[in-house]
Amino acid sequence: MCLSRSFALLRKISRKQTRGHKRLSAMAFPFLHSSVFIRTSFISSVDFSSYISQPPIFHYSPRSRFTTPYPLFATHPKGCRQLFLLYLCLFQSTPTHQDLNTKVAWAQGYTGKGVVVTILDDGIEKDHPDLISNYDPEASYDVNDGDTNPQPRYTQRNENRHGTRCAGEVAAAANNGVCGVGVAYNAKIGGVRMLDGEVTDVVEAHSLSLNPQHIHIYSASWGPEDDGKSLDGPAKLAKEAFLQGITKGRNGLGSIFVWASGNGGREQDSCNCDGYTNSIYTLSISSTTQAGSVPWYSEPCSSTLATTFSSGNPGEKQIVTTDLRQKCTDSHTGTSASAPLAAGIIALALEANMNLTWRDMQHLAVRTSQPGRLSAGDWKTNGVGLSHSYGYGLLDAGAMVALALNWTAVGPQHQCVHTMLAEPRDIGNKLVFSKSVDACWGRPEYVSSLEHVQARLTLSYNQRGKLAIHLISPLGTRSTLLFPRPNDFSSEGFNDWAFMTTHSWDEDPQGEWTLEIENVAANGRDYGVLSQFTLILWGTGPSAINPSSSDFPRPSNNSCKTFDAQQICIGEIIRATNYIQTWSLLS
């Protein structure tokens, strides 16, 4: 069964008896843990030979939620239930109609053809009748057992359904009378079986770097435990795999990593404490319900970029997709179900323009996502609107494809680093620290238009979970880098943790930045010290580096987050045009 993320998926199980593979000799390969299996024919862009020790095992869980047993059916689901959130028929009888607008992209002939997606999970049932025609062995591998067969483990009480369910959302075949249809139903789909065993840094790095010149999109619906107290992320090898992927993958255009944002809402978790979703290299995806509400499991954070649909409260629709034993389910849930839908939409955009870089894809998501009828208490309306629960809104396949067709690649990525703190500061019950920056003006790393912003913090505090941390940009955009986590009683604080926000996208970073750290449950006895605050600005700059050049203007502040090639604000134009296209198809 697809496990709730409140249960651990990762079991320290030796599969030697199950598959009969020999263990690698730790003496022959000292950089591997003794429980890692042979990886024949594995293609990797990362050189692991220089590492002589194996980091600890990481304990992760899938990002699915369910509250009732799920029905299974081997025949075509009837009526609108078949294509939940893909065809428009589902919401014909509801006044709050909304969808992912895939029909517009499909009508233009974009179905994911030529695009390869792989699911990093617990395996994929490659002979499922809804997947077999699109299955790609070159995008598949069994890291747990060290072979080329990603078939999941079948046991009565603990089947590995998760990856197969995610795969069907992306690339289930169309018009075959089986379960339903994937968002990118002509894309090629693969699976990396890497969660059904000990998940080490080596396992993650191998999975993230599989065949990067063949695979375009990697979709992951797992992460650290959503218990409201964990603080974890990729270790040394996985970090290197991400970096190699975005710099060398897809012949230099960059691998696209799509990540589920997390299901710790009930535990008041924050996805900025998850180093995978909090990375600038991943496209972090959250969930909304059928009614456009924030799900009970959703984690708010400033690193979420966009949203797709998933499960909600009892009685609300869940996701129809493929299941084990060549069956189907209508109960795929949580942000686990949201990330593959996003991967499918990205595949449609890639088919429209195969020259899109990994950063281009994030720009497209920012510029075309729809706030629409999504309800949240913290929508900001400057520029295009954004929320800590939804990022920039609901992904729109039709608008994304339309913008991708004539998209001009963004300029080279610039990184500007400012050391903000000269000496430690007591936090007490509240610390407010402000400093003006020039965004490296006049230097090659000058950033004139923001993409990601990171605040690298080192601080101590007697109870970490009491803290809320906010970052305010020169334009006044307030990003909550950390929401209070009542379950986090740790006194370890944060050690050079890079909190990331996407909320200042396209802003001019020059001016005063303010960091606020506050204790939301002060009792007069709390104490702590901020010892490091480094502001890292990621974005683009002018092509010239001479400050006196006419090509090197000092940009003026502008709250618009959607510009065309002439730097004209087009956010609302895109949205208005898109809504007209969508509703004309409905009429």
Protein backbone atom coordinates (compact mmCIF):
# COMPACT_ATOMS: atom_id res chain seq x y z
CA MET A 1 0.00 0.00 0.00
CA CYS A 2 1.10 3.60 -0.50
CA LEU A 3 2.34 4.56 2.92
CA SER A 4 1.31 7.68 4.75
CA ARG A 5 4.28 9.91 5.23
CA SER A 6 3.76 9.54 8.96
CA PHE A 7 5.18 6.03 8.54
CA ALA A 8 8.76 5.44 7.47
CA LEU A 9 9.09 3.99 4.00
CA LEU A 10 12.73 3.23 4.33
CA ARG A 11 13.44 -0.08 5.94
CA LYS A 12 16.89 -1.36 6.70
CA ILE A 13 16.25 -4.56 4.78
CA SER A 14 18.84 -6.79 3.20
CA ARG A 15 17.47 -7.86 -0.17
CA LYS A 16 20.19 -10.44 -0.70
CA GLN A 17 17.70 -13.25 -0.18
CA THR A 18 15.05 -11.57 -2.33
CA ARG A 19 17.10 -10.98 -5.45
CA GLY A 20 20.18 -13.10 -4.73
CA HIS A 21 22.75 -10.41 -5.51
CA LYS A 22 26.17 -10.38 -3.98
CA ARG A 23 27.16 -7.57 -1.69
CA LEU A 24 29.96 -5.27 -2.70
CA SER A 25 33.13 -5.74 -0.77
CA ALA A 26 33.73 -2.76 1.47
CA MET A 27 37.42 -3.65 1.37
CA ALA A 28 37.52 -3.41 -2.41
CA PHE A 29 35.45 -0.22 -2.47
CA PRO A 30 36.02 1.55 0.86
CA PHE A 31 33.82 4.52 -0.10
CA LEU A 32 30.73 2.29 -0.11
CA HIS A 33 28.72 1.17 2.87
CA SER A 34 28.84 -2.58 3.44
CA SER A 35 25.11 -2.94 2.72
CA VAL A 36 25.20 -1.33 -0.72
CA PHE A 37 24.73 -3.71 -3.64
CA ILE A 38 26.55 -4.09 -6.97
CA ARG A 39 25.57 -1.46 -9.53
CA THR A 40 26.34 -3.02 -12.88
CA SER A 41 26.03 -0.80 -15.95
CA PHE A 42 25.23 2.24 -13.85
CA ILE A 43 25.81 5.55 -15.61
CA SER A 44 26.88 8.42 -13.36
CA SER A 45 28.22 11.91 -13.95
CA VAL A 46 29.79 12.07 -10.51
CA ASP A 47 33.18 10.60 -9.63
CA PHE A 48 32.76 8.87 -6.29
CA SER A 49 36.20 7.29 -6.16
CA SER A 50 37.75 10.13 -4.18
CA TYR A 51 35.46 9.59 -1.21
CA ILE A 52 36.77 7.10 1.34
CA SER A 53 33.98 7.01 3.89
CA GLN A 54 30.24 6.51 3.70
CA PRO A 55 27.95 9.03 5.45
CA PRO A 56 25.13 7.78 7.68
CA ILE A 57 21.92 6.22 6.47
CA PHE A 58 19.13 8.73 5.90
CA HIS A 59 15.56 7.95 6.91
CA TYR A 60 12.98 9.33 4.54
CA SER A 61 9.35 8.70 3.80
CA PRO A 62 7.04 9.14 0.80
CA ARG A 63 4.86 12.19 0.54
CA SER A 64 1.43 10.59 0.34
CA ARG A 65 -1.50 10.89 2.71
CA PHE A 66 -4.61 8.76 2.98
CA THR A 67 -7.25 8.21 5.62
CA THR A 68 -9.34 5.38 4.21
CA PRO A 69 -8.63 2.15 2.31
CA TYR A 70 -8.41 2.75 -1.41
CA PRO A 71 -10.57 0.91 -3.95
CA LEU A 72 -8.85 -0.94 -6.75
CA PHE A 73 -10.25 -1.62 -10.17
CA ALA A 74 -8.78 -3.32 -13.19
CA THR A 75 -11.17 -1.83 -15.72
CA HIS A 76 -11.69 1.69 -16.98
CA PRO A 77 -12.98 4.01 -14.25
CA LYS A 78 -16.31 5.43 -15.29
CA GLY A 79 -17.15 9.00 -16.17
CA CYS A 80 -15.18 11.98 -15.02
CA ARG A 81 -13.47 10.03 -12.26
CA GLN A 82 -11.17 8.55 -14.89
CA LEU A 83 -9.14 11.66 -15.54
CA PHE A 84 -9.21 13.55 -12.28
CA LEU A 85 -7.98 17.10 -12.86
CA LEU A 86 -6.82 16.43 -16.39
CA TYR A 87 -9.99 16.63 -18.44
CA LEU A 88 -12.30 19.49 -17.66
CA CYS A 89 -15.39 17.34 -17.12
CA LEU A 90 -14.70 16.82 -13.42
CA PHE A 91 -15.80 20.29 -12.44
CA GLN A 92 -18.67 20.83 -14.86
CA SER A 93 -21.18 20.88 -12.04
CA THR A 94 -19.18 23.07 -9.66
CA PRO A 95 -19.11 26.86 -9.70
CA THR A 96 -15.41 26.96 -8.75
CA HIS A 97 -14.11 25.19 -11.86
CA GLN A 98 -10.35 25.01 -12.10
CA ASP A 99 -7.86 22.61 -13.61
CA LEU A 100 -4.27 22.33 -14.78
CA ASN A 101 -5.24 23.45 -18.30
CA THR A 102 -3.67 20.42 -19.95
CA LYS A 103 -6.41 20.32 -22.55
CA VAL A 104 -5.09 23.54 -24.10
CA ALA A 105 -1.60 22.06 -24.40
CA TRP A 106 -2.94 18.78 -25.79
CA ALA A 107 -5.07 20.64 -28.34
CA GLN A 108 -1.88 22.23 -29.66
CA GLY A 109 -0.36 18.77 -30.12
CA TYR A 110 1.94 18.70 -27.10
CA THR A 111 1.83 15.37 -25.29
CA GLY A 112 5.40 14.96 -23.99
CA LYS A 113 6.74 13.19 -27.06
CA GLY A 114 10.53 13.07 -27.07
CA VAL A 115 10.83 13.91 -23.37
CA VAL A 116 12.17 11.43 -20.80
CA VAL A 117 11.05 11.48 -17.17
CA THR A 118 12.27 9.22 -14.39
CA ILE A 119 10.68 8.61 -10.99
CA LEU A 120 13.14 8.41 -8.08
CA ASP A 121 11.25 6.16 -5.70
CA ASP A 122 10.62 2.53 -4.68
CA GLY A 123 10.45 1.08 -8.19
CA ILE A 124 8.10 1.05 -11.14
CA GLU A 125 5.91 -1.75 -12.50
CA LYS A 126 7.33 -1.53 -15.99
CA ASP A 127 4.92 -4.10 -17.47
CA HIS A 128 1.79 -2.31 -16.25
CA PRO A 129 -0.58 -2.08 -19.26
CA ASP A 130 -0.84 1.68 -18.82
CA LEU A 131 2.95 2.15 -18.65
CA ILE A 132 4.51 -0.54 -20.83
CA SER A 133 4.24 1.37 -24.11
CA ASN A 134 6.07 4.37 -22.64
CA TYR A 135 8.54 2.52 -20.42
CA ASP A 136 12.17 3.49 -21.01
CA PRO A 137 14.84 1.07 -19.71
CA GLU A 138 17.55 3.70 -20.25
CA ALA A 139 15.80 5.89 -17.68
CA SER A 140 15.56 3.07 -15.14
CA TYR A 141 17.80 1.36 -12.62
CA ASP A 142 17.60 -0.60 -9.38
CA VAL A 143 20.08 1.12 -7.07
CA ASN A 144 18.96 -0.97 -4.09
CA ASP A 145 19.86 -4.27 -5.76
CA GLY A 146 22.40 -3.07 -8.28
CA ASP A 147 20.69 -4.23 -11.48
CA THR A 148 18.78 -2.78 -14.39
CA ASN A 149 15.36 -4.04 -13.31
CA PRO A 150 13.39 -1.42 -11.31
CA GLN A 151 10.45 -3.75 -10.64
CA PRO A 152 9.08 -3.03 -7.14
CA ARG A 153 8.94 -5.54 -4.31
CA TYR A 154 5.65 -7.39 -3.89
CA THR A 155 4.73 -8.42 -0.36
CA GLN A 156 1.21 -8.70 0.95
CA ARG A 157 1.58 -6.30 3.85
CA ASN A 158 4.07 -3.79 2.52
CA GLU A 159 4.06 -3.41 -1.23
CA ASN A 160 6.06 -0.73 -2.96
CA ARG A 161 3.25 1.05 -4.80
CA HIS A 162 4.51 4.60 -4.50
CA GLY A 163 6.73 4.88 -7.57
CA THR A 164 4.27 3.12 -9.87
CA ARG A 165 1.53 5.50 -8.81
CA CYS A 166 3.72 8.52 -9.48
CA ALA A 167 4.75 7.16 -12.89
CA GLY A 168 1.17 6.82 -14.09
CA GLU A 169 0.44 10.47 -13.38
CA VAL A 170 3.23 11.47 -15.74
CA ALA A 171 2.98 9.03 -18.63
CA ALA A 172 0.05 6.61 -18.43
CA ALA A 173 -0.91 5.87 -22.04
CA ALA A 174 -4.01 7.38 -23.63
CA ASN A 175 -6.97 5.64 -25.27
CA ASN A 176 -6.15 2.13 -24.13
CA GLY A 177 -9.10 1.47 -21.83
CA VAL A 178 -6.98 0.94 -18.73
CA CYS A 179 -6.65 3.39 -15.81
CA GLY A 180 -6.55 6.90 -17.12
CA VAL A 181 -4.08 9.11 -18.90
CA GLY A 182 -0.88 10.81 -17.86
CA VAL A 183 -0.32 14.53 -18.20
CA ALA A 184 2.43 13.82 -20.74
CA TYR A 185 0.98 10.61 -22.14
CA ASN A 186 3.52 10.28 -24.95
CA ALA A 187 6.58 10.94 -22.79
CA LYS A 188 8.99 8.15 -21.96
CA ILE A 189 8.92 7.06 -18.33
CA GLY A 190 11.52 5.31 -16.21
CA GLY A 191 11.96 4.46 -12.58
CA VAL A 192 14.89 4.37 -10.19
CA ARG A 193 14.38 1.93 -7.36
CA MET A 194 16.31 3.57 -4.54
CA LEU A 195 14.00 3.89 -1.52
CA ASP A 196 13.48 0.20 -0.72
CA GLY A 197 16.56 -0.23 1.42
CA GLU A 198 19.26 1.76 3.12
CA VAL A 199 19.25 5.27 1.67
CA THR A 200 22.77 6.62 1.92
CA ASP A 201 24.47 9.59 0.34
CA VAL A 202 25.87 7.25 -2.33
CA VAL A 203 22.40 5.86 -3.12
CA GLU A 204 20.99 9.36 -3.52
CA ALA A 205 23.87 10.56 -5.67
CA HIS A 206 23.67 7.50 -7.94
CA SER A 207 19.94 8.06 -8.39
CA LEU A 208 20.18 11.79 -9.06
CA SER A 209 22.91 11.29 -11.65
CA LEU A 210 21.51 8.39 -13.67
CA ASN A 211 22.03 8.88 -17.41
CA PRO A 212 21.84 12.69 -17.33
CA GLN A 213 22.30 13.08 -21.09
CA HIS A 214 19.23 10.93 -21.71
CA ILE A 215 16.87 11.81 -18.87
CA HIS A 216 15.35 15.29 -18.94
CA ILE A 217 13.29 15.37 -15.74
CA TYR A 218 13.78 13.67 -12.37
CA SER A 219 10.67 13.57 -10.17
CA ALA A 220 11.01 12.88 -6.44
CA SER A 221 8.16 12.53 -3.94
CA TRP A 222 10.10 11.88 -0.75
CA GLY A 223 12.22 13.69 1.79
CA PRO A 224 13.19 13.89 5.47
CA GLU A 225 10.56 12.92 8.02
CA ASP A 226 7.77 15.50 8.21
CA ASP A 227 7.68 15.32 11.99
CA GLY A 228 8.00 19.03 12.69
CA LYS A 229 11.47 18.68 14.18
CA SER A 230 13.82 17.20 11.56
CA LEU A 231 16.42 19.38 9.87
CA ASP A 232 18.04 17.49 7.03
CA GLY A 233 19.06 17.67 3.41
CA PRO A 234 21.43 16.29 0.80
CA ALA A 235 24.92 15.34 1.97
CA LYS A 236 28.21 15.79 0.12
CA LEU A 237 27.73 13.39 -2.78
CA ALA A 238 24.09 14.26 -3.39
CA LYS A 239 24.95 17.97 -3.40
CA GLU A 240 27.59 17.27 -6.00
CA ALA A 241 25.08 15.25 -8.04
CA PHE A 242 22.66 18.19 -8.05
CA LEU A 243 25.43 20.56 -9.12
CA GLN A 244 26.65 18.22 -11.86
CA GLY A 245 23.08 17.78 -13.01
CA ILE A 246 22.28 21.45 -13.45
CA THR A 247 25.65 22.29 -15.02
CA LYS A 248 26.23 19.25 -17.28
CA GLY A 249 22.90 17.44 -17.60
CA ARG A 250 21.01 17.61 -20.91
CA ASN A 251 24.22 18.68 -22.67
CA GLY A 252 24.65 21.71 -20.47
CA LEU A 253 21.02 22.86 -20.35
CA GLY A 254 20.67 21.31 -16.91
CA SER A 255 18.72 18.40 -15.48
CA ILE A 256 15.32 19.39 -14.12
CA PHE A 257 14.63 18.17 -10.59
CA VAL A 258 10.98 18.30 -9.45
CA TRP A 259 10.39 17.80 -5.72
CA ALA A 260 7.33 17.34 -3.50
CA SER A 261 7.30 20.03 -0.83
CA GLY A 262 6.25 17.85 2.10
CA ASN A 263 3.29 16.66 4.15
CA GLY A 264 4.09 17.90 7.65
CA GLY A 265 1.22 20.34 7.98
CA ARG A 266 -0.43 18.50 10.85
CA GLU A 267 2.90 18.56 12.70
CA GLN A 268 3.36 22.27 11.82
CA ASP A 269 6.50 21.48 9.88
CA SER A 270 8.26 23.92 7.56
CA CYS A 271 9.59 22.78 4.19
CA ASN A 272 12.48 25.24 4.47
CA CYS A 273 13.90 22.72 6.97
CA ASP A 274 14.01 20.19 4.13
CA GLY A 275 17.24 20.72 2.22
CA TYR A 276 15.85 19.13 -0.97
CA THR A 277 12.82 21.38 -1.43
CA ASN A 278 14.82 24.31 -0.02
CA SER A 279 17.43 23.98 -2.79
CA ILE A 280 17.70 26.43 -5.67
CA TYR A 281 18.25 23.43 -7.95
CA THR A 282 14.82 21.86 -7.35
CA LEU A 283 11.42 22.98 -8.51
CA SER A 284 9.42 22.57 -5.30
CA ILE A 285 5.74 21.71 -5.74
CA SER A 286 2.96 22.00 -3.16
CA SER A 287 -0.67 20.82 -3.22
CA THR A 288 -4.15 22.23 -3.32
CA THR A 289 -7.46 20.43 -2.94
CA GLN A 290 -10.29 19.94 -5.41
CA ALA A 291 -11.93 23.05 -3.91
CA GLY A 292 -8.78 25.14 -4.16
CA SER A 293 -8.03 25.08 -0.43
CA VAL A 294 -4.81 24.50 1.48
CA PRO A 295 -4.71 20.77 2.40
CA TRP A 296 -4.34 19.78 6.02
CA TYR A 297 -0.94 18.19 5.29
CA SER A 298 0.53 21.17 3.41
CA GLU A 299 3.71 22.79 4.73
CA PRO A 300 4.11 26.54 4.19
CA CYS A 301 7.51 27.84 3.19
CA SER A 302 9.16 30.47 1.01
CA SER A 303 10.97 27.96 -1.23
CA THR A 304 7.79 26.51 -2.81
CA LEU A 305 7.58 27.63 -6.42
CA ALA A 306 4.18 26.38 -7.61
CA THR A 307 1.26 24.05 -6.95
CA THR A 308 -0.77 21.24 -8.51
CA PHE A 309 -3.78 19.30 -7.27
CA SER A 310 -3.93 16.43 -4.82
CA SER A 311 -6.08 15.02 -2.05
CA GLY A 312 -7.86 17.02 0.62
CA ASN A 313 -10.40 16.33 3.30
CA PRO A 314 -12.62 13.21 3.33
CA GLY A 315 -15.07 13.37 0.45
CA GLU A 316 -12.80 15.39 -1.82
CA LYS A 317 -11.38 13.82 -4.96
CA GLN A 318 -7.97 12.18 -4.99
CA ILE A 319 -5.70 11.24 -7.88
CA VAL A 320 -6.48 8.44 -10.35
CA THR A 321 -3.36 6.62 -11.49
CA THR A 322 -1.68 3.25 -12.03
CA ASP A 323 -1.19 0.77 -9.20
CA LEU A 324 0.60 -2.52 -8.63
CA ARG A 325 -0.49 -5.83 -10.13
CA GLN A 326 -1.64 -4.07 -13.29
CA LYS A 327 -4.47 -2.36 -11.44
CA CYS A 328 -5.57 1.22 -10.86
CA THR A 329 -6.32 3.42 -7.88
CA ASP A 330 -8.29 6.60 -7.36
CA SER A 331 -6.61 7.33 -4.03
CA HIS A 332 -3.14 8.65 -4.70
CA THR A 333 -2.59 11.45 -2.21
CA GLY A 334 -0.41 14.15 -0.66
CA THR A 335 2.33 16.18 -2.26
CA SER A 336 3.59 12.83 -3.57
CA ALA A 337 0.83 13.12 -6.15
CA SER A 338 1.47 16.79 -6.89
CA ALA A 339 5.11 16.58 -7.97
CA PRO A 340 4.55 14.05 -10.81
CA LEU A 341 1.72 16.19 -12.22
CA ALA A 342 4.19 19.07 -12.32
CA ALA A 343 6.80 16.85 -13.97
CA GLY A 344 4.25 15.99 -16.65
CA ILE A 345 3.45 19.65 -17.31
CA ILE A 346 7.15 20.45 -17.53
CA ALA A 347 7.49 17.64 -20.08
CA LEU A 348 4.83 19.33 -22.23
CA ALA A 349 6.75 22.62 -22.08
CA LEU A 350 10.00 20.85 -22.93
CA GLU A 351 8.43 19.26 -25.99
CA ALA A 352 7.43 22.75 -27.10
CA ASN A 353 11.00 24.01 -26.63
CA MET A 354 13.77 21.49 -25.99
CA ASN A 355 16.30 24.32 -25.53
CA LEU A 356 14.87 25.42 -22.19
CA THR A 357 17.43 25.46 -19.38
CA TRP A 358 16.69 24.37 -15.82
CA ARG A 359 16.40 28.05 -14.86
CA ASP A 360 14.18 28.84 -17.85
CA MET A 361 11.73 26.25 -16.55
CA GLN A 362 11.56 27.96 -13.16
CA HIS A 363 10.98 31.30 -14.88
CA LEU A 364 8.11 29.77 -16.86
CA ALA A 365 6.55 28.43 -13.68
CA VAL A 366 6.74 31.85 -12.01
CA ARG A 367 5.30 33.66 -15.00
CA THR A 368 2.42 31.35 -15.88
CA SER A 369 1.17 29.87 -12.60
CA GLN A 370 -2.33 30.95 -11.66
CA PRO A 371 -3.37 32.33 -8.26
CA GLY A 372 -6.90 31.99 -9.65
CA ARG A 373 -9.37 30.68 -7.10
CA LEU A 374 -6.82 29.20 -4.72
CA SER A 375 -7.62 30.28 -1.19
CA ALA A 376 -4.86 31.15 1.26
CA GLY A 377 -4.53 33.70 4.02
CA ASP A 378 -1.20 35.12 2.89
CA TRP A 379 -1.58 35.95 -0.81
CA LYS A 380 0.62 38.89 -1.77
CA THR A 381 -0.66 40.94 -4.68
CA ASN A 382 2.50 42.79 -5.71
CA GLY A 383 3.35 41.79 -9.28
CA VAL A 384 1.69 38.45 -9.95
CA GLY A 385 0.78 37.29 -6.47
CA LEU A 386 2.34 34.56 -4.37
CA SER A 387 1.78 32.59 -1.19
CA HIS A 388 3.83 30.56 1.27
CA SER A 389 1.35 27.71 0.75
CA TYR A 390 1.17 27.78 -3.06
CA GLY A 391 4.24 29.63 -4.32
CA TYR A 392 3.15 31.49 -7.45
CA GLY A 393 -0.04 29.47 -7.83
CA LEU A 394 -1.49 26.59 -9.81
CA LEU A 395 0.61 25.37 -12.73
CA ASP A 396 -1.05 26.08 -16.08
CA ALA A 397 0.02 23.69 -18.83
CA GLY A 398 -1.53 25.72 -21.64
CA ALA A 399 0.10 28.97 -20.60
CA MET A 400 3.42 27.29 -19.89
CA VAL A 401 3.56 25.72 -23.35
CA ALA A 402 2.53 28.99 -25.00
CA LEU A 403 5.29 30.94 -23.27
CA ALA A 404 7.85 28.19 -23.85
CA LEU A 405 7.36 28.23 -27.62
CA ASN A 406 9.02 31.62 -28.12
CA TRP A 407 11.00 31.84 -24.91
CA THR A 408 14.47 33.37 -25.05
CA ALA A 409 16.89 31.77 -22.61
CA VAL A 410 17.69 33.79 -19.51
CA GLY A 411 21.19 35.14 -19.18
CA PRO A 412 23.99 33.49 -17.23
CA GLN A 413 23.35 32.92 -13.55
CA HIS A 414 25.07 35.42 -11.28
CA GLN A 415 25.82 34.86 -7.61
CA CYS A 416 26.43 37.83 -5.33
CA VAL A 417 27.49 37.14 -1.74
CA HIS A 418 27.19 39.71 1.03
CA THR A 419 28.49 39.12 4.55
CA MET A 420 25.85 40.92 6.56
CA LEU A 421 26.95 40.42 10.15
CA ALA A 422 30.21 41.83 11.53
CA GLU A 423 29.83 40.49 15.06
CA PRO A 424 27.43 38.17 16.93
CA ARG A 425 24.06 39.54 18.04
CA ASP A 426 21.90 38.41 20.94
CA ILE A 427 18.52 37.19 19.73
CA GLY A 428 16.58 37.46 22.98
CA ASN A 429 12.88 37.52 22.25
CA LYS A 430 13.33 39.41 18.98
CA LEU A 431 16.21 40.53 16.81
CA VAL A 432 15.80 42.93 13.88
CA PHE A 433 18.88 43.45 11.74
CA SER A 434 19.03 45.65 8.62
CA LYS A 435 21.78 46.39 6.15
CA SER A 436 21.94 47.91 2.68
CA VAL A 437 23.66 46.07 -0.17
CA ASP A 438 24.73 47.08 -3.67
CA ALA A 439 24.12 43.61 -5.16
CA CYS A 440 27.78 43.55 -6.31
CA TRP A 441 27.17 46.51 -8.58
CA GLY A 442 30.13 47.22 -10.87
CA ARG A 443 31.48 43.68 -10.58
CA PRO A 444 31.03 40.65 -12.85
CA GLU A 445 28.74 38.98 -10.30
CA TYR A 446 26.36 41.97 -10.21
CA VAL A 447 22.71 40.89 -9.88
CA SER A 448 20.17 43.31 -11.32
CA SER A 449 17.18 40.94 -11.37
CA LEU A 450 16.63 38.35 -8.66
CA GLU A 451 15.73 34.70 -8.94
CA HIS A 452 16.55 32.91 -5.68
CA VAL A 453 17.66 34.50 -2.42
CA GLN A 454 19.41 32.56 0.32
CA ALA A 455 20.04 33.62 3.90
CA ARG A 456 22.77 31.42 5.35
CA LEU A 457 22.37 31.53 9.11
CA THR A 458 24.32 30.18 12.02
CA LEU A 459 22.58 30.68 15.33
CA SER A 460 22.09 29.07 18.70
CA TYR A 461 18.86 29.00 20.66
CA ASN A 462 17.68 27.04 23.66
CA GLN A 463 14.54 25.83 21.80
CA ARG A 464 14.80 26.10 18.03
CA GLY A 465 11.14 25.44 17.38
CA LYS A 466 10.02 28.67 19.05
CA LEU A 467 11.66 30.78 16.37
CA ALA A 468 10.11 32.45 13.36
CA ILE A 469 12.49 33.98 10.83
CA HIS A 470 11.55 36.57 8.22
CA LEU A 471 13.52 38.24 5.42
CA ILE A 472 12.30 41.55 3.99
CA SER A 473 13.57 42.72 0.60
CA PRO A 474 14.26 46.34 -0.39
CA LEU A 475 10.88 46.35 -2.14
CA GLY A 476 9.16 45.25 1.06
CA THR A 477 8.47 41.64 0.09
CA ARG A 478 8.31 39.70 3.34
CA SER A 479 9.41 36.06 3.13
CA THR A 480 8.92 33.78 6.11
CA LEU A 481 12.06 31.67 6.03
CA LEU A 482 11.02 29.64 9.06
CA PHE A 483 7.61 29.14 10.61
CA PRO A 484 7.54 28.13 14.29
CA ARG A 485 7.70 24.37 14.82
CA PRO A 486 6.23 23.47 18.25
CA ASN A 487 7.57 19.90 18.02
CA ASP A 488 11.16 21.05 17.59
CA PHE A 489 12.73 21.17 21.05
CA SER A 490 16.29 21.06 19.74
CA SER A 491 18.87 23.39 21.27
CA GLU A 492 21.27 22.86 18.37
CA GLY A 493 20.07 25.91 16.44
CA PHE A 494 21.16 26.22 12.80
CA ASN A 495 24.69 25.71 11.54
CA ASP A 496 25.23 27.51 8.22
CA TRP A 497 21.73 26.54 7.06
CA ALA A 498 20.75 28.17 3.76
CA PHE A 499 17.12 29.30 4.02
CA MET A 500 15.83 30.01 0.51
CA THR A 501 13.04 32.19 -0.84
CA THR A 502 11.61 32.59 -4.33
CA HIS A 503 9.33 35.44 -3.28
CA SER A 504 11.53 38.26 -4.58
CA TRP A 505 11.73 36.89 -8.12
CA ASP A 506 12.58 39.63 -10.67
CA GLU A 507 13.07 42.26 -7.97
CA ASP A 508 16.03 44.64 -7.89
CA PRO A 509 18.08 43.50 -4.88
CA GLN A 510 19.84 46.82 -4.29
CA GLY A 511 18.87 48.49 -1.05
CA GLU A 512 18.12 47.58 2.53
CA TRP A 513 17.47 43.97 3.51
CA THR A 514 16.03 43.19 6.93
CA LEU A 515 16.28 39.95 8.88
CA GLU A 516 13.82 39.39 11.71
CA ILE A 517 14.20 36.56 14.22
CA GLU A 518 11.48 36.34 16.83
CA ASN A 519 10.47 34.02 19.62
CA VAL A 520 6.75 33.40 19.21
CA ALA A 521 6.42 31.70 22.61
CA ALA A 522 8.70 33.78 24.81
CA ASN A 523 8.76 33.03 28.51
CA GLY A 524 11.53 35.38 29.60
CA ARG A 525 14.08 32.61 29.97
CA ASP A 526 14.95 31.98 26.32
CA TYR A 527 18.33 32.88 24.94
CA GLY A 528 20.40 32.57 21.79
CA VAL A 529 22.93 34.24 19.53
CA LEU A 530 23.04 34.94 15.80
CA SER A 531 26.67 34.46 14.81
CA GLN A 532 26.47 34.37 11.00
CA PHE A 533 24.22 35.97 8.39
CA THR A 534 25.31 35.72 4.78
CA LEU A 535 22.97 37.00 2.07
CA ILE A 536 23.33 35.22 -1.27
CA LEU A 537 21.62 36.79 -4.26
CA TRP A 538 21.06 34.62 -7.33
CA GLY A 539 19.83 36.05 -10.60
CA THR A 540 20.85 37.80 -13.79
CA GLY A 541 22.77 40.94 -14.63
CA PRO A 542 23.68 43.05 -17.66
CA SER A 543 26.01 41.53 -20.22
CA ALA A 544 28.61 44.26 -19.71
CA ILE A 545 30.58 44.81 -16.53
CA ASN A 546 31.62 48.46 -17.09
CA PRO A 547 29.48 50.59 -14.75
CA SER A 548 29.78 53.58 -17.08
CA SER A 549 28.52 51.64 -20.07
CA SER A 550 25.03 52.29 -21.39
CA ASP A 551 24.56 48.51 -21.28
CA PHE A 552 25.08 48.57 -17.53
CA PRO A 553 22.17 50.57 -16.09
CA ARG A 554 21.36 50.78 -12.43
CA PRO A 555 17.91 49.14 -12.49
CA SER A 556 14.96 50.83 -10.89
CA ASN A 557 12.75 49.02 -8.41
CA ASN A 558 9.66 47.49 -9.95
CA SER A 559 7.17 45.23 -8.23
CA CYS A 560 6.28 43.39 -11.43
CA LYS A 561 7.53 39.80 -11.51
CA THR A 562 6.69 38.98 -15.13
CA PHE A 563 8.59 40.73 -17.92
CA ASP A 564 8.99 40.19 -21.64
CA ALA A 565 12.29 40.49 -23.51
CA GLN A 566 11.92 44.30 -23.55
CA GLN A 567 11.37 44.32 -19.76
CA ILE A 568 7.71 45.23 -20.15
CA CYS A 569 5.46 43.89 -17.42
CA ILE A 570 3.33 41.20 -19.05
CA GLY A 571 2.15 39.11 -16.09
CA GLU A 572 -1.46 40.16 -16.19
CA ILE A 573 -1.53 40.06 -20.01
CA ILE A 574 -0.40 36.42 -20.01
CA ARG A 575 -3.01 35.50 -17.43
CA ALA A 576 -5.84 37.30 -19.19
CA THR A 577 -4.94 35.70 -22.52
CA ASN A 578 -4.69 32.29 -20.92
CA TYR A 579 -8.08 32.55 -19.24
CA ILE A 580 -9.66 33.55 -22.56
CA GLN A 581 -8.07 30.51 -24.26
CA THR A 582 -9.21 28.18 -21.51
CA TRP A 583 -12.81 29.32 -21.36
CA SER A 584 -13.15 29.44 -25.13
CA LEU A 585 -12.38 25.72 -25.16
CA LEU A 586 -15.02 25.16 -22.51
CA SER A 587 -17.72 26.97 -24.42
